[in-house]
Amino acid sequence: MRRLRDKSLSKNSGGQPLSYGRGSLKACLLVLLTALLLLAQGANPLENARVRRLGDLLLCKCGCGSSLTSCNMLHCHFSEPARMELAKMVDAGMTDQAIFDAFVEKYGPDILLRPPAKGFNLVGYAMPFAAILAGLAFVWWLMKRLRRPLATSSGPDLDAAALARYRERIDKDLEKLD
């Protein structure tokens, strides 16, 4: 009886004996090869928190308008090499300012997402506040003007004799209408 039970466990649902042949060996080798290839690609530069933080302050020049670390264009011609360059600079122990200076020297000042607050760039920082203040001043002036009572026109001063003549004339005209 025990032999029957052991034999039944070694067969699949179709009654065929179970075999671990070449198919399962190929599948195991394929999984192992895939894992090795993934490990061989190397470390992702975005795993470093400092690279991510600095990359968020630099503009990707591919035209997407995103930061260097948030550009998700497939095989971006700018962000991938720039991320690697940024990772090398971070690994070399450069300071944040030295990294920014190197990128500005290589790609120009428009690589910075936040331009430095000096020179003409100060206008860009001050203009939103100036526009808000100008808008508030305009609203205050408009409200003050609209709250003023409208000037009432009392007309020219007429003497009593002239006023009596006009009323008499109005009464005559109204009688003609009846």
Protein backbone atom coordinates (compact mmCIF):
# COMPACT_ATOMS: atom_id res chain seq x y z
CA MET A 1 0.00 0.00 0.00
CA ARG A 2 2.79 2.32 0.84
CA ARG A 3 4.33 1.74 -2.57
CA LEU A 4 1.10 2.69 -4.27
CA ARG A 5 0.91 5.94 -2.42
CA ASP A 6 4.52 6.83 -3.33
CA LYS A 7 3.89 5.98 -6.97
CA SER A 8 0.75 8.10 -7.07
CA LEU A 9 2.70 11.11 -5.80
CA SER A 10 5.26 10.73 -8.58
CA LYS A 11 2.64 11.03 -11.35
CA ASN A 12 0.88 14.09 -12.69
CA SER A 13 -2.90 14.41 -13.18
CA GLY A 14 -2.73 12.68 -16.57
CA GLY A 15 -1.13 9.63 -15.07
CA GLN A 16 2.26 10.43 -16.61
CA PRO A 17 5.34 10.17 -14.40
CA LEU A 18 6.70 13.54 -13.23
CA SER A 19 10.02 14.50 -14.75
CA TYR A 20 12.32 17.38 -14.23
CA GLY A 21 13.93 17.49 -17.61
CA ARG A 22 15.53 20.04 -19.82
CA GLY A 23 12.57 22.47 -19.82
CA SER A 24 12.81 23.28 -16.14
CA LEU A 25 16.61 23.47 -16.33
CA LYS A 26 16.33 25.99 -19.17
CA ALA A 27 13.82 28.06 -17.19
CA CYS A 28 16.13 28.14 -14.15
CA LEU A 29 19.09 29.17 -16.31
CA LEU A 30 17.00 31.89 -17.97
CA VAL A 31 15.98 33.34 -14.58
CA LEU A 32 19.58 33.22 -13.36
CA LEU A 33 20.89 34.87 -16.54
CA THR A 34 18.27 37.64 -16.31
CA ALA A 35 19.18 38.33 -12.69
CA LEU A 36 22.88 38.54 -13.58
CA LEU A 37 22.21 40.91 -16.46
CA LEU A 38 20.17 43.19 -14.21
CA LEU A 39 22.93 43.25 -11.63
CA ALA A 40 25.58 43.89 -14.28
CA GLN A 41 23.93 47.15 -15.37
CA GLY A 42 25.41 48.90 -12.37
CA ALA A 43 24.00 51.21 -9.79
CA ASN A 44 21.39 53.76 -10.71
CA PRO A 45 22.74 57.27 -10.02
CA LEU A 46 19.33 58.30 -8.70
CA GLU A 47 19.70 55.96 -5.73
CA ASN A 48 21.96 58.55 -4.12
CA ALA A 49 19.83 61.10 -2.21
CA ARG A 50 22.29 63.94 -2.81
CA VAL A 51 22.32 63.28 -6.57
CA ARG A 52 18.51 63.39 -6.57
CA ARG A 53 18.45 66.62 -4.54
CA LEU A 54 21.02 68.37 -6.76
CA GLY A 55 19.43 67.01 -9.94
CA ASP A 56 16.10 68.53 -8.92
CA LEU A 57 17.78 71.96 -9.07
CA LEU A 58 19.15 71.47 -12.60
CA LEU A 59 17.14 71.72 -15.83
CA CYS A 60 17.10 68.92 -18.40
CA LYS A 61 18.09 70.39 -21.77
CA CYS A 62 16.17 67.88 -23.92
CA GLY A 63 13.23 70.26 -24.12
CA CYS A 64 10.91 68.48 -21.70
CA GLY A 65 11.07 71.32 -19.15
CA SER A 66 11.63 68.90 -16.27
CA SER A 67 14.46 68.75 -13.82
CA LEU A 68 17.43 66.50 -14.44
CA THR A 69 16.17 63.80 -12.09
CA SER A 70 12.50 63.97 -13.07
CA CYS A 71 13.03 63.74 -16.85
CA ASN A 72 11.42 60.48 -17.80
CA MET A 73 12.00 60.58 -21.53
CA LEU A 74 13.12 57.15 -22.68
CA HIS A 75 16.89 57.21 -23.39
CA CYS A 76 17.07 60.99 -23.00
CA HIS A 77 20.12 62.31 -24.83
CA PHE A 78 20.83 64.84 -22.09
CA SER A 79 19.61 63.62 -18.71
CA GLU A 80 21.26 60.19 -18.67
CA PRO A 81 24.83 61.46 -19.32
CA ALA A 82 24.27 64.50 -17.09
CA ARG A 83 23.04 62.28 -14.23
CA MET A 84 26.14 60.12 -14.57
CA GLU A 85 28.33 63.24 -14.61
CA LEU A 86 26.51 64.54 -11.52
CA ALA A 87 26.99 61.21 -9.75
CA LYS A 88 30.72 61.27 -10.56
CA MET A 89 31.03 64.79 -9.15
CA VAL A 90 29.20 63.78 -5.98
CA ASP A 91 31.38 60.68 -5.63
CA ALA A 92 34.46 62.87 -6.09
CA GLY A 93 33.38 64.86 -3.03
CA MET A 94 32.71 68.18 -4.75
CA THR A 95 30.60 70.73 -2.88
CA ASP A 96 27.13 71.66 -4.09
CA GLN A 97 28.29 75.11 -5.22
CA ALA A 98 31.27 73.63 -7.10
CA ILE A 99 28.94 71.20 -8.91
CA PHE A 100 26.55 74.02 -9.86
CA ASP A 101 29.48 76.15 -11.05
CA ALA A 102 30.78 73.27 -13.20
CA PHE A 103 27.35 72.74 -14.78
CA VAL A 104 26.88 76.49 -15.39
CA GLU A 105 30.34 76.67 -16.99
CA LYS A 106 29.58 73.71 -19.25
CA TYR A 107 25.90 74.34 -20.16
CA GLY A 108 25.29 78.02 -19.36
CA PRO A 109 23.29 79.73 -16.62
CA ASP A 110 19.95 78.48 -17.93
CA ILE A 111 20.81 74.99 -16.60
CA LEU A 112 19.77 76.23 -13.15
CA LEU A 113 16.06 75.87 -12.41
CA ARG A 114 16.36 78.65 -9.82
CA PRO A 115 18.64 81.39 -11.13
CA PRO A 116 20.78 83.22 -8.55
CA ALA A 117 19.14 86.26 -6.93
CA LYS A 118 21.49 88.91 -8.28
CA GLY A 119 21.54 91.38 -11.14
CA PHE A 120 18.60 91.33 -13.53
CA ASN A 121 17.35 88.07 -11.98
CA LEU A 122 16.18 90.11 -8.99
CA VAL A 123 13.43 91.52 -11.21
CA GLY A 124 12.09 88.02 -11.68
CA TYR A 125 11.95 87.49 -7.94
CA ALA A 126 10.47 90.92 -7.13
CA MET A 127 7.96 91.25 -9.99
CA PRO A 128 5.25 88.91 -8.62
CA PHE A 129 5.15 90.82 -5.33
CA ALA A 130 5.12 94.18 -7.13
CA ALA A 131 2.25 93.02 -9.36
CA ILE A 132 0.25 91.85 -6.34
CA LEU A 133 0.81 95.18 -4.57
CA ALA A 134 -0.18 97.14 -7.70
CA GLY A 135 -3.34 95.05 -8.04
CA LEU A 136 -4.28 95.59 -4.40
CA ALA A 137 -3.67 99.35 -4.74
CA PHE A 138 -5.91 99.45 -7.83
CA VAL A 139 -8.70 97.56 -6.03
CA TRP A 140 -8.41 99.93 -3.03
CA TRP A 141 -8.59 103.00 -5.31
CA LEU A 142 -11.57 101.58 -7.20
CA MET A 143 -13.48 100.73 -4.02
CA LYS A 144 -12.77 104.19 -2.61
CA ARG A 145 -14.04 105.81 -5.81
CA LEU A 146 -17.19 103.69 -5.98
CA ARG A 147 -18.06 104.37 -2.34
CA ARG A 148 -18.17 108.13 -2.91
CA PRO A 149 -21.75 109.40 -3.23
CA LEU A 150 -22.67 110.46 -6.71
CA ALA A 151 -22.93 114.15 -7.25
CA THR A 152 -26.60 115.16 -7.41
CA SER A 153 -27.49 117.79 -9.90
CA SER A 154 -29.97 120.30 -8.53
CA GLY A 155 -29.98 122.24 -11.77
CA PRO A 156 -29.75 125.95 -12.18
CA ASP A 157 -31.34 128.21 -9.60
CA LEU A 158 -34.62 129.61 -10.98
CA ASP A 159 -36.55 132.46 -9.57
CA ALA A 160 -40.12 131.85 -8.44
CA ALA A 161 -41.71 133.84 -11.33
CA ALA A 162 -39.91 131.82 -14.01
CA LEU A 163 -40.77 128.54 -12.27
CA ALA A 164 -44.48 129.54 -12.13
CA ARG A 165 -44.41 130.34 -15.87
CA TYR A 166 -42.93 126.88 -16.72
CA ARG A 167 -45.50 125.07 -14.58
CA GLU A 168 -48.32 127.02 -16.26
CA ARG A 169 -46.99 126.06 -19.65
CA ILE A 170 -46.78 122.36 -18.63
CA ASP A 171 -50.35 122.40 -17.37
CA LYS A 172 -51.59 123.93 -20.68
CA ASP A 173 -49.71 121.30 -22.71
CA LEU A 174 -51.16 118.50 -20.59
CA GLU A 175 -54.73 119.83 -21.07
CA LYS A 176 -54.25 119.77 -24.85
CA LEU A 177 -53.37 116.06 -24.68
CA ASP A 178 -56.71 115.17 -23.02
